[in-house]
């Protein structure tokens, strides 16, 4: 049961950044809509009163320019990251892309090494098959392995 829960948690944690980005984007859009609505309401109230104070208009324009500047800054940062990747050598880009698979394959190799040689050692020392399997493939090993595999494939599923 613990293995199943761990697998599910690991699977969904791979998609957590995408889920958080969705909620952040939704929150940003709601905030922008609220700000636009408030600005429109304020302008209508001022027009109903028969005057539009130049200071208020300038304040609104200042807020708009600040929001636009922040958006441009964010886009500039994203473009800068893209440009860095373009300027990097193919070797560096490939090494960055290989980090997660290498760690996964390394962990798998370590697991196979420990399990296979542990099993051979158990057979050579005369340990019963059932006892050897319970010692080698215990709940903690299952939980760790299920978490790693679920996280890896969960991340791949959420990218698509």
Protein backbone atom coordinates (compact mmCIF):
# COMPACT_ATOMS: atom_id res chain seq x y z
CA UNK A 1 0.00 0.00 0.00
CA UNK A 2 2.84 2.35 0.89
CA UNK A 3 4.47 1.56 -2.46
CA UNK A 4 1.31 2.53 -4.31
CA UNK A 5 0.97 5.81 -2.42
CA UNK A 6 4.65 6.59 -2.97
CA UNK A 7 4.34 5.83 -6.68
CA UNK A 8 1.32 8.07 -7.06
CA UNK A 9 2.96 10.92 -5.15
CA UNK A 10 6.13 10.63 -7.23
CA UNK A 11 4.17 10.44 -10.47
CA UNK A 12 2.19 13.58 -9.74
CA UNK A 13 5.17 15.48 -8.34
CA UNK A 14 6.71 15.28 -11.82
CA UNK A 15 3.83 17.40 -13.12
CA UNK A 16 3.73 19.75 -10.16
CA UNK A 17 5.62 22.60 -11.91
CA UNK A 18 3.13 22.55 -14.79
CA UNK A 19 0.20 22.59 -12.38
CA UNK A 20 1.71 25.47 -10.41
CA UNK A 21 2.39 27.39 -13.63
CA UNK A 22 -1.25 26.91 -14.64
CA UNK A 23 -2.53 28.37 -11.38
CA UNK A 24 0.03 31.21 -11.47
CA UNK A 25 -0.95 32.10 -15.02
CA UNK A 26 -4.64 32.02 -14.12
CA UNK A 27 -4.00 34.22 -11.10
CA UNK A 28 -1.97 36.70 -13.18
CA UNK A 29 -4.70 36.96 -15.80
CA UNK A 30 -7.38 37.44 -13.14
CA UNK A 31 -5.30 40.20 -11.53
CA UNK A 32 -4.81 41.94 -14.87
CA UNK A 33 -8.54 41.75 -15.61
CA UNK A 34 -9.36 43.15 -12.16
CA UNK A 35 -6.92 46.00 -12.67
CA UNK A 36 -8.37 46.82 -16.09
CA UNK A 37 -11.92 46.73 -14.68
CA UNK A 38 -10.97 49.02 -11.80
CA UNK A 39 -9.26 51.43 -14.15
CA UNK A 40 -12.29 51.54 -16.43
CA UNK A 41 -14.63 52.07 -13.48
CA UNK A 42 -12.46 54.89 -12.19
CA UNK A 43 -12.37 56.61 -15.56
CA UNK A 44 -16.16 56.31 -15.92
CA UNK A 45 -16.73 57.74 -12.44
CA UNK A 46 -14.45 60.66 -13.20
CA UNK A 47 -16.18 61.30 -16.53
CA UNK A 48 -19.61 61.20 -14.83
CA UNK A 49 -18.51 63.87 -12.40
CA UNK A 50 -17.68 66.08 -15.33
CA UNK A 51 -13.93 66.24 -15.00
CA UNK A 52 -10.91 64.12 -15.68
CA UNK A 53 -8.06 65.21 -13.50
CA UNK A 54 -4.80 65.29 -15.39
CA UNK A 55 -2.95 63.86 -12.39
CA UNK A 56 -5.20 60.79 -12.32
CA UNK A 57 -4.79 60.22 -16.03
CA UNK A 58 -1.03 60.46 -15.68
CA UNK A 59 -1.15 58.03 -12.76
CA UNK A 60 -3.05 55.53 -14.87
CA UNK A 61 -0.57 55.91 -17.72
CA UNK A 62 2.29 55.45 -15.27
CA UNK A 63 0.77 52.21 -13.96
CA UNK A 64 0.26 50.96 -17.50
CA UNK A 65 3.85 51.72 -18.45
CA UNK A 66 5.10 49.96 -15.31
CA UNK A 67 3.08 46.83 -16.13
CA UNK A 68 4.34 46.90 -19.72
CA UNK A 69 7.92 47.34 -18.50
CA UNK A 70 7.58 44.33 -16.21
CA UNK A 71 6.19 42.22 -19.06
CA UNK A 72 9.01 43.33 -21.35
CA UNK A 73 11.57 42.54 -18.65
CA UNK A 74 10.13 39.04 -18.22
CA UNK A 75 10.22 38.46 -21.98
CA UNK A 76 13.79 39.76 -22.12
CA UNK A 77 14.81 37.29 -19.41
CA UNK A 78 13.20 34.39 -21.28
CA UNK A 79 14.85 35.46 -24.52
CA UNK A 80 18.18 35.75 -22.73
CA UNK A 81 17.89 32.17 -21.48
CA UNK A 82 17.07 31.01 -25.00
CA UNK A 83 20.04 32.91 -26.40
CA UNK A 84 22.38 31.38 -23.81
CA UNK A 85 21.27 27.92 -24.89
CA UNK A 86 21.85 28.85 -28.51
CA UNK A 87 25.36 30.06 -27.76
CA UNK A 88 26.31 27.08 -25.64
CA UNK A 89 28.24 24.26 -27.14
CA UNK A 90 26.35 21.15 -28.18
CA UNK A 91 28.32 19.23 -25.58
CA UNK A 92 27.04 21.38 -22.70
CA UNK A 93 23.44 21.19 -23.95
CA UNK A 94 23.69 17.41 -24.24
CA UNK A 95 25.19 17.06 -20.75
CA UNK A 96 22.34 19.17 -19.31
CA UNK A 97 19.81 16.94 -21.06
CA UNK A 98 21.48 13.75 -19.82
CA UNK A 99 21.45 14.53 -16.09
CA UNK A 100 18.12 12.89 -15.23
CA UNK A 101 18.55 9.82 -17.48
CA UNK A 102 22.08 9.20 -16.22
CA UNK A 103 20.94 9.37 -12.60
CA UNK A 104 18.03 7.05 -13.36
CA UNK A 105 20.21 4.54 -15.22
CA UNK A 106 22.82 4.74 -12.49
CA UNK A 107 20.24 4.03 -9.81
CA UNK A 108 18.85 1.16 -11.88
CA UNK A 109 22.36 -0.28 -12.37
CA UNK A 110 23.03 -0.01 -8.64
CA UNK A 111 19.74 -1.72 -7.87
CA UNK A 112 20.48 -4.55 -10.32
CA UNK A 113 24.01 -4.93 -8.95
CA UNK A 114 22.87 -5.12 -5.33
CA UNK A 115 19.92 -7.38 -6.04
CA UNK A 116 21.69 -9.82 -8.38
CA UNK A 117 24.85 -10.19 -6.35
CA UNK A 118 22.86 -10.26 -3.11
CA UNK A 119 20.78 -13.07 -4.54
CA UNK A 120 23.87 -14.99 -5.70
CA UNK A 121 25.43 -14.53 -2.26
CA UNK A 122 22.25 -15.81 -0.61
CA UNK A 123 22.19 -18.90 -2.84
CA UNK A 124 25.89 -19.64 -2.21
CA UNK A 125 25.46 -19.33 1.57
CA UNK A 126 22.37 -21.54 1.59
CA UNK A 127 19.73 -18.95 2.44
CA UNK A 128 16.18 -20.03 1.55
CA UNK A 129 14.78 -18.44 -1.64
CA UNK A 130 11.77 -16.85 0.10
CA UNK A 131 13.92 -15.37 2.86
CA UNK A 132 16.43 -14.02 0.32
CA UNK A 133 13.67 -12.40 -1.73
CA UNK A 134 12.12 -10.82 1.37
CA UNK A 135 15.50 -9.41 2.36
CA UNK A 136 16.52 -8.20 -1.11
CA UNK A 137 13.20 -6.85 -2.39
CA UNK A 138 11.77 -5.45 0.84
CA UNK A 139 9.16 -2.70 1.20
CA UNK A 140 11.70 0.12 1.43
CA UNK A 141 13.43 -0.97 -1.80
CA UNK A 142 10.07 -1.19 -3.56
CA UNK A 143 9.09 2.27 -2.33
CA UNK A 144 12.34 3.89 -3.44
CA UNK A 145 12.32 2.24 -6.84
CA UNK A 146 8.63 2.97 -7.42
CA UNK A 147 9.19 6.62 -6.50
CA UNK A 148 12.07 7.03 -8.94
CA UNK A 149 10.29 5.31 -11.83
CA UNK A 150 7.00 7.12 -11.17
CA UNK A 151 8.70 10.50 -10.97
CA UNK A 152 10.60 9.87 -14.19
CA UNK A 153 7.62 8.69 -16.20
CA UNK A 154 5.26 11.14 -14.49
CA UNK A 155 7.42 14.04 -15.62
CA UNK A 156 7.46 12.67 -19.17
CA UNK A 157 3.67 12.26 -19.17
CA UNK A 158 3.07 15.81 -17.96
CA UNK A 159 5.43 17.29 -20.57
CA UNK A 160 3.17 15.98 -23.30
